[in-house]
Amino acid sequence: MLHTSQLNESVPNRFEQRGSFRVSKPTLEISLGDDTYTTENWSLNGLLIKGHLPESSLDMEISGFMKPEGTAENCYFSGRVVRIDLKERQFAVELDGQSREVAAYLPLWVIKYGSRS
């Protein structure tokens, strides 16, 4: 849990990879349990997700499904929270690099859906 002193701060983890090439289209829809979010941007290494993840903490393991917004395609992912920004209402997830499905789908989705408006 975050403490009161952190409410207006971005809380980075020392392992975050901010230098990765970021993609904003297509926007990905992220399903975590009963909650649905969308991405601000993403890379092959991680997701910057709009919204606030209740009861979150740095290094918290998460898993769910992602898909290009407005499509029926779906891909399971797992990762860990590496940044929480309550002021901007965003959190970043580092993807587990072991998923071949994620490594295959993300580049395909850029080609297939990236030029949509």
N, C-alpha and C. Protein backbone atom coordinates (compact mmCIF):
# COMPACT_ATOMS: atom_id res chain seq x y z
N MET A 1 0.83 -1.19 0.00
CA MET A 1 0.00 0.00 0.00
C MET A 1 0.87 1.25 0.00
N LEU A 2 0.36 2.30 -0.61
CA LEU A 2 1.07 3.57 -0.63
C LEU A 2 0.69 4.38 0.60
N HIS A 3 1.63 5.17 1.07
CA HIS A 3 1.40 6.02 2.22
C HIS A 3 1.03 7.42 1.77
N THR A 4 0.48 8.23 2.66
CA THR A 4 0.01 9.58 2.35
C THR A 4 1.09 10.42 1.68
N SER A 5 2.33 10.30 2.06
CA SER A 5 3.40 11.10 1.49
C SER A 5 3.64 10.77 0.01
N GLN A 6 3.13 9.64 -0.46
CA GLN A 6 3.36 9.22 -1.83
C GLN A 6 2.20 9.57 -2.76
N LEU A 7 1.14 10.16 -2.26
CA LEU A 7 -0.07 10.36 -3.05
C LEU A 7 0.12 11.20 -4.29
N ASN A 8 1.05 12.13 -4.31
CA ASN A 8 1.26 12.98 -5.48
C ASN A 8 2.56 12.68 -6.20
N GLU A 9 3.09 11.50 -6.01
CA GLU A 9 4.37 11.16 -6.59
C GLU A 9 4.27 9.96 -7.53
N SER A 10 5.22 9.87 -8.41
CA SER A 10 5.42 8.65 -9.17
C SER A 10 6.38 7.81 -8.36
N VAL A 11 6.06 6.56 -8.19
CA VAL A 11 6.88 5.68 -7.37
C VAL A 11 7.54 4.66 -8.29
N PRO A 12 8.78 4.93 -8.74
CA PRO A 12 9.44 4.00 -9.66
C PRO A 12 10.17 2.88 -8.93
N ASN A 13 10.33 1.80 -9.63
CA ASN A 13 11.12 0.68 -9.15
C ASN A 13 12.47 0.78 -9.84
N ARG A 14 13.53 0.38 -9.19
CA ARG A 14 14.86 0.53 -9.79
C ARG A 14 15.08 -0.34 -11.01
N PHE A 15 14.19 -1.30 -11.28
CA PHE A 15 14.35 -2.20 -12.42
C PHE A 15 13.55 -1.77 -13.65
N GLU A 16 12.83 -0.67 -13.55
CA GLU A 16 11.98 -0.26 -14.67
C GLU A 16 12.82 0.07 -15.91
N GLN A 17 12.34 -0.35 -17.08
CA GLN A 17 13.05 -0.12 -18.34
C GLN A 17 12.34 0.95 -19.15
N ARG A 18 12.61 2.20 -18.87
CA ARG A 18 11.92 3.29 -19.54
C ARG A 18 12.49 3.57 -20.92
N GLY A 19 13.60 2.96 -21.30
CA GLY A 19 14.22 3.23 -22.58
C GLY A 19 13.66 2.41 -23.74
N SER A 20 12.70 1.54 -23.48
CA SER A 20 12.14 0.68 -24.52
C SER A 20 11.33 1.49 -25.53
N PHE A 21 11.31 1.03 -26.78
CA PHE A 21 10.51 1.66 -27.82
C PHE A 21 9.04 1.52 -27.47
N ARG A 22 8.33 2.64 -27.38
CA ARG A 22 6.94 2.66 -26.95
C ARG A 22 5.99 2.77 -28.12
N VAL A 23 4.85 2.09 -28.03
CA VAL A 23 3.81 2.09 -29.05
C VAL A 23 2.53 2.59 -28.40
N SER A 24 1.80 3.48 -29.08
CA SER A 24 0.52 3.93 -28.54
C SER A 24 -0.67 3.39 -29.33
N LYS A 25 -0.41 2.92 -30.55
CA LYS A 25 -1.48 2.32 -31.35
C LYS A 25 -1.06 0.94 -31.79
N PRO A 26 -1.89 -0.04 -31.60
CA PRO A 26 -3.25 0.08 -31.09
C PRO A 26 -3.27 0.23 -29.57
N THR A 27 -4.32 0.87 -29.08
CA THR A 27 -4.56 0.90 -27.64
C THR A 27 -4.94 -0.51 -27.22
N LEU A 28 -4.36 -0.97 -26.15
CA LEU A 28 -4.68 -2.30 -25.65
C LEU A 28 -5.68 -2.20 -24.50
N GLU A 29 -6.62 -3.11 -24.49
CA GLU A 29 -7.57 -3.23 -23.39
C GLU A 29 -7.01 -4.29 -22.46
N ILE A 30 -6.89 -3.95 -21.19
CA ILE A 30 -6.28 -4.82 -20.20
C ILE A 30 -7.36 -5.27 -19.20
N SER A 31 -7.53 -6.57 -19.06
CA SER A 31 -8.50 -7.11 -18.10
C SER A 31 -7.74 -7.75 -16.95
N LEU A 32 -7.97 -7.22 -15.76
CA LEU A 32 -7.37 -7.75 -14.54
C LEU A 32 -8.53 -8.12 -13.62
N GLY A 33 -8.87 -9.38 -13.57
CA GLY A 33 -10.04 -9.80 -12.80
C GLY A 33 -11.29 -9.19 -13.39
N ASP A 34 -12.06 -8.50 -12.56
CA ASP A 34 -13.30 -7.86 -13.01
C ASP A 34 -13.08 -6.45 -13.54
N ASP A 35 -11.86 -5.94 -13.45
CA ASP A 35 -11.56 -4.56 -13.86
C ASP A 35 -10.95 -4.53 -15.25
N THR A 36 -11.31 -3.48 -16.01
CA THR A 36 -10.78 -3.30 -17.36
C THR A 36 -10.13 -1.92 -17.44
N TYR A 37 -8.95 -1.87 -18.07
CA TYR A 37 -8.18 -0.65 -18.23
C TYR A 37 -7.77 -0.53 -19.70
N THR A 38 -7.20 0.60 -20.07
CA THR A 38 -6.59 0.76 -21.39
C THR A 38 -5.17 1.26 -21.21
N THR A 39 -4.37 1.04 -22.25
CA THR A 39 -2.97 1.46 -22.18
C THR A 39 -2.79 2.89 -22.66
N GLU A 40 -1.85 3.57 -22.04
CA GLU A 40 -1.37 4.86 -22.52
C GLU A 40 -0.38 4.60 -23.65
N ASN A 41 0.53 3.66 -23.37
CA ASN A 41 1.48 3.16 -24.36
C ASN A 41 2.01 1.82 -23.86
N TRP A 42 2.76 1.15 -24.72
CA TRP A 42 3.28 -0.16 -24.35
C TRP A 42 4.49 -0.49 -25.19
N SER A 43 5.21 -1.51 -24.77
CA SER A 43 6.37 -2.00 -25.51
C SER A 43 6.38 -3.52 -25.37
N LEU A 44 7.35 -4.16 -25.98
CA LEU A 44 7.48 -5.60 -25.82
C LEU A 44 7.85 -5.98 -24.38
N ASN A 45 8.34 -4.99 -23.63
CA ASN A 45 8.76 -5.24 -22.25
C ASN A 45 7.72 -4.89 -21.20
N GLY A 46 6.75 -4.02 -21.56
CA GLY A 46 5.83 -3.59 -20.52
C GLY A 46 4.69 -2.74 -21.02
N LEU A 47 3.81 -2.41 -20.07
CA LEU A 47 2.59 -1.66 -20.34
C LEU A 47 2.50 -0.46 -19.42
N LEU A 48 2.13 0.71 -19.95
CA LEU A 48 1.77 1.85 -19.13
C LEU A 48 0.25 1.93 -19.20
N ILE A 49 -0.40 1.72 -18.09
CA ILE A 49 -1.85 1.53 -18.03
C ILE A 49 -2.51 2.72 -17.36
N LYS A 50 -3.59 3.21 -17.97
CA LYS A 50 -4.38 4.31 -17.42
C LYS A 50 -5.26 3.77 -16.29
N GLY A 51 -5.29 4.50 -15.21
CA GLY A 51 -6.15 4.13 -14.09
C GLY A 51 -5.37 3.84 -12.84
N HIS A 52 -6.11 3.48 -11.82
CA HIS A 52 -5.53 3.17 -10.52
C HIS A 52 -5.86 1.73 -10.18
N LEU A 53 -4.87 0.96 -9.87
CA LEU A 53 -5.04 -0.43 -9.49
C LEU A 53 -5.17 -0.48 -7.96
N PRO A 54 -6.38 -0.76 -7.46
CA PRO A 54 -6.57 -0.78 -6.00
C PRO A 54 -5.65 -1.80 -5.33
N GLU A 55 -5.23 -1.46 -4.12
CA GLU A 55 -4.39 -2.36 -3.33
C GLU A 55 -3.11 -2.78 -4.03
N SER A 56 -2.54 -1.89 -4.82
CA SER A 56 -1.32 -2.23 -5.54
C SER A 56 -0.08 -1.84 -4.75
N SER A 57 1.01 -2.48 -5.10
CA SER A 57 2.29 -2.15 -4.50
C SER A 57 3.38 -2.49 -5.52
N LEU A 58 4.53 -1.88 -5.37
CA LEU A 58 5.64 -2.17 -6.27
C LEU A 58 6.03 -3.63 -6.15
N ASP A 59 6.40 -4.21 -7.28
CA ASP A 59 6.80 -5.60 -7.40
C ASP A 59 5.65 -6.59 -7.21
N MET A 60 4.42 -6.07 -7.11
CA MET A 60 3.26 -6.96 -7.00
C MET A 60 3.08 -7.73 -8.31
N GLU A 61 2.95 -9.03 -8.22
CA GLU A 61 2.73 -9.88 -9.38
C GLU A 61 1.28 -9.72 -9.83
N ILE A 62 1.08 -9.56 -11.15
CA ILE A 62 -0.27 -9.50 -11.68
C ILE A 62 -0.35 -10.35 -12.94
N SER A 63 -1.57 -10.74 -13.28
CA SER A 63 -1.80 -11.46 -14.53
C SER A 63 -3.20 -11.15 -15.01
N GLY A 64 -3.40 -11.28 -16.30
CA GLY A 64 -4.70 -10.99 -16.87
C GLY A 64 -4.67 -11.23 -18.36
N PHE A 65 -5.57 -10.56 -19.05
CA PHE A 65 -5.66 -10.69 -20.49
C PHE A 65 -5.55 -9.33 -21.14
N MET A 66 -4.97 -9.30 -22.33
CA MET A 66 -4.88 -8.05 -23.09
C MET A 66 -5.32 -8.33 -24.52
N LYS A 67 -5.82 -7.26 -25.16
CA LYS A 67 -6.25 -7.37 -26.55
C LYS A 67 -6.30 -5.98 -27.14
N PRO A 68 -6.18 -5.86 -28.45
CA PRO A 68 -6.37 -4.56 -29.06
C PRO A 68 -7.81 -4.11 -28.81
N GLU A 69 -7.97 -2.88 -28.40
CA GLU A 69 -9.29 -2.35 -28.07
C GLU A 69 -10.26 -2.54 -29.24
N GLY A 70 -11.45 -3.05 -28.95
CA GLY A 70 -12.47 -3.23 -29.98
C GLY A 70 -12.35 -4.51 -30.78
N THR A 71 -11.48 -5.41 -30.38
CA THR A 71 -11.32 -6.68 -31.10
C THR A 71 -11.68 -7.85 -30.19
N ALA A 72 -11.81 -9.01 -30.79
CA ALA A 72 -12.11 -10.22 -30.02
C ALA A 72 -10.83 -11.00 -29.68
N GLU A 73 -9.70 -10.59 -30.26
CA GLU A 73 -8.44 -11.30 -29.98
C GLU A 73 -8.09 -11.13 -28.51
N ASN A 74 -7.38 -12.09 -27.97
CA ASN A 74 -7.07 -12.08 -26.56
C ASN A 74 -5.74 -12.78 -26.31
N CYS A 75 -4.98 -12.30 -25.34
CA CYS A 75 -3.69 -12.90 -25.01
C CYS A 75 -3.49 -12.82 -23.49
N TYR A 76 -3.18 -13.93 -22.88
CA TYR A 76 -2.86 -13.98 -21.46
C TYR A 76 -1.48 -13.37 -21.23
N PHE A 77 -1.34 -12.60 -20.14
CA PHE A 77 -0.02 -12.06 -19.79
C PHE A 77 0.17 -12.14 -18.28
N SER A 78 1.41 -12.08 -17.87
CA SER A 78 1.75 -11.93 -16.45
C SER A 78 2.91 -10.96 -16.35
N GLY A 79 3.06 -10.37 -15.20
CA GLY A 79 4.13 -9.41 -14.98
C GLY A 79 4.12 -8.90 -13.56
N ARG A 80 4.76 -7.76 -13.37
CA ARG A 80 4.80 -7.16 -12.04
C ARG A 80 4.72 -5.65 -12.15
N VAL A 81 4.15 -5.03 -11.16
CA VAL A 81 4.00 -3.57 -11.11
C VAL A 81 5.37 -2.96 -10.84
N VAL A 82 5.81 -2.04 -11.72
CA VAL A 82 7.11 -1.41 -11.54
C VAL A 82 7.03 0.10 -11.33
N ARG A 83 5.85 0.68 -11.50
CA ARG A 83 5.68 2.12 -11.21
C ARG A 83 4.21 2.37 -10.91
N ILE A 84 3.97 3.24 -9.94
CA ILE A 84 2.62 3.68 -9.59
C ILE A 84 2.64 5.19 -9.58
N ASP A 85 1.78 5.81 -10.37
CA ASP A 85 1.71 7.27 -10.43
C ASP A 85 0.28 7.68 -10.12
N LEU A 86 0.03 8.00 -8.85
CA LEU A 86 -1.32 8.35 -8.43
C LEU A 86 -1.75 9.71 -8.97
N LYS A 87 -0.81 10.64 -9.11
CA LYS A 87 -1.14 11.96 -9.63
C LYS A 87 -1.65 11.86 -11.06
N GLU A 88 -0.99 11.09 -11.90
CA GLU A 88 -1.39 10.92 -13.31
C GLU A 88 -2.38 9.78 -13.49
N ARG A 89 -2.65 9.04 -12.41
CA ARG A 89 -3.56 7.88 -12.45
C ARG A 89 -3.10 6.87 -13.50
N GLN A 90 -1.87 6.41 -13.32
CA GLN A 90 -1.27 5.42 -14.21
C GLN A 90 -0.46 4.44 -13.38
N PHE A 91 -0.28 3.25 -13.93
CA PHE A 91 0.68 2.31 -13.35
C PHE A 91 1.35 1.56 -14.48
N ALA A 92 2.59 1.16 -14.23
CA ALA A 92 3.38 0.47 -15.24
C ALA A 92 3.60 -0.98 -14.82
N VAL A 93 3.54 -1.85 -15.81
CA VAL A 93 3.73 -3.28 -15.58
C VAL A 93 4.87 -3.77 -16.46
N GLU A 94 5.84 -4.43 -15.86
CA GLU A 94 6.89 -5.09 -16.62
C GLU A 94 6.38 -6.49 -16.96
N LEU A 95 6.34 -6.80 -18.25
CA LEU A 95 5.84 -8.11 -18.69
C LEU A 95 6.86 -9.21 -18.42
N ASP A 96 6.36 -10.38 -18.10
CA ASP A 96 7.20 -11.56 -17.94
C ASP A 96 7.77 -11.89 -19.31
N GLY A 97 9.05 -11.89 -19.47
CA GLY A 97 9.69 -12.10 -20.75
C GLY A 97 9.67 -13.54 -21.24
N GLN A 98 9.04 -14.44 -20.50
CA GLN A 98 9.03 -15.85 -20.87
C GLN A 98 7.87 -16.24 -21.78
N SER A 99 6.89 -15.35 -21.98
CA SER A 99 5.70 -15.70 -22.75
C SER A 99 5.92 -15.58 -24.26
N ARG A 100 5.91 -16.69 -24.92
CA ARG A 100 6.04 -16.69 -26.39
C ARG A 100 4.79 -16.10 -27.03
N GLU A 101 3.64 -16.31 -26.41
CA GLU A 101 2.39 -15.77 -26.94
C GLU A 101 2.42 -14.24 -26.97
N VAL A 102 2.85 -13.62 -25.87
CA VAL A 102 2.96 -12.16 -25.81
C VAL A 102 3.96 -11.67 -26.85
N ALA A 103 5.11 -12.33 -26.94
CA ALA A 103 6.15 -11.93 -27.90
C ALA A 103 5.66 -12.05 -29.34
N ALA A 104 4.74 -12.95 -29.60
CA ALA A 104 4.20 -13.11 -30.96
C ALA A 104 3.07 -12.13 -31.25
N TYR A 105 2.17 -11.95 -30.30
CA TYR A 105 0.99 -11.12 -30.55
C TYR A 105 1.28 -9.63 -30.63
N LEU A 106 2.11 -9.10 -29.74
CA LEU A 106 2.31 -7.64 -29.70
C LEU A 106 2.80 -7.08 -31.04
N PRO A 107 3.84 -7.64 -31.67
CA PRO A 107 4.25 -7.10 -32.98
C PRO A 107 3.17 -7.31 -34.05
N LEU A 108 2.47 -8.42 -34.01
CA LEU A 108 1.39 -8.68 -34.96
C LEU A 108 0.29 -7.63 -34.84
N TRP A 109 -0.06 -7.28 -33.61
CA TRP A 109 -1.11 -6.29 -33.40
C TRP A 109 -0.71 -4.91 -33.92
N VAL A 110 0.57 -4.57 -33.84
CA VAL A 110 1.01 -3.28 -34.39
C VAL A 110 0.78 -3.27 -35.91
N ILE A 111 1.14 -4.36 -36.56
CA ILE A 111 0.96 -4.45 -38.02
C ILE A 111 -0.52 -4.48 -38.38
N LYS A 112 -1.29 -5.27 -37.66
CA LYS A 112 -2.69 -5.50 -37.99
C LYS A 112 -3.60 -4.33 -37.61
N TYR A 113 -3.37 -3.69 -36.46
CA TYR A 113 -4.29 -2.67 -35.94
C TYR A 113 -3.65 -1.31 -35.71
N GLY A 114 -2.35 -1.18 -35.90
CA GLY A 114 -1.64 0.05 -35.56
C GLY A 114 -2.02 1.27 -36.37
N SER A 115 -2.55 1.09 -37.56
CA SER A 115 -2.88 2.26 -38.39
C SER A 115 -4.32 2.70 -38.23
N ARG A 116 -5.08 2.03 -37.37
CA ARG A 116 -6.46 2.45 -37.12
C ARG A 116 -6.51 3.83 -36.49
N SER A 117 -7.57 4.53 -36.76
CA SER A 117 -7.77 5.85 -36.10
C SER A 117 -8.44 5.69 -34.78
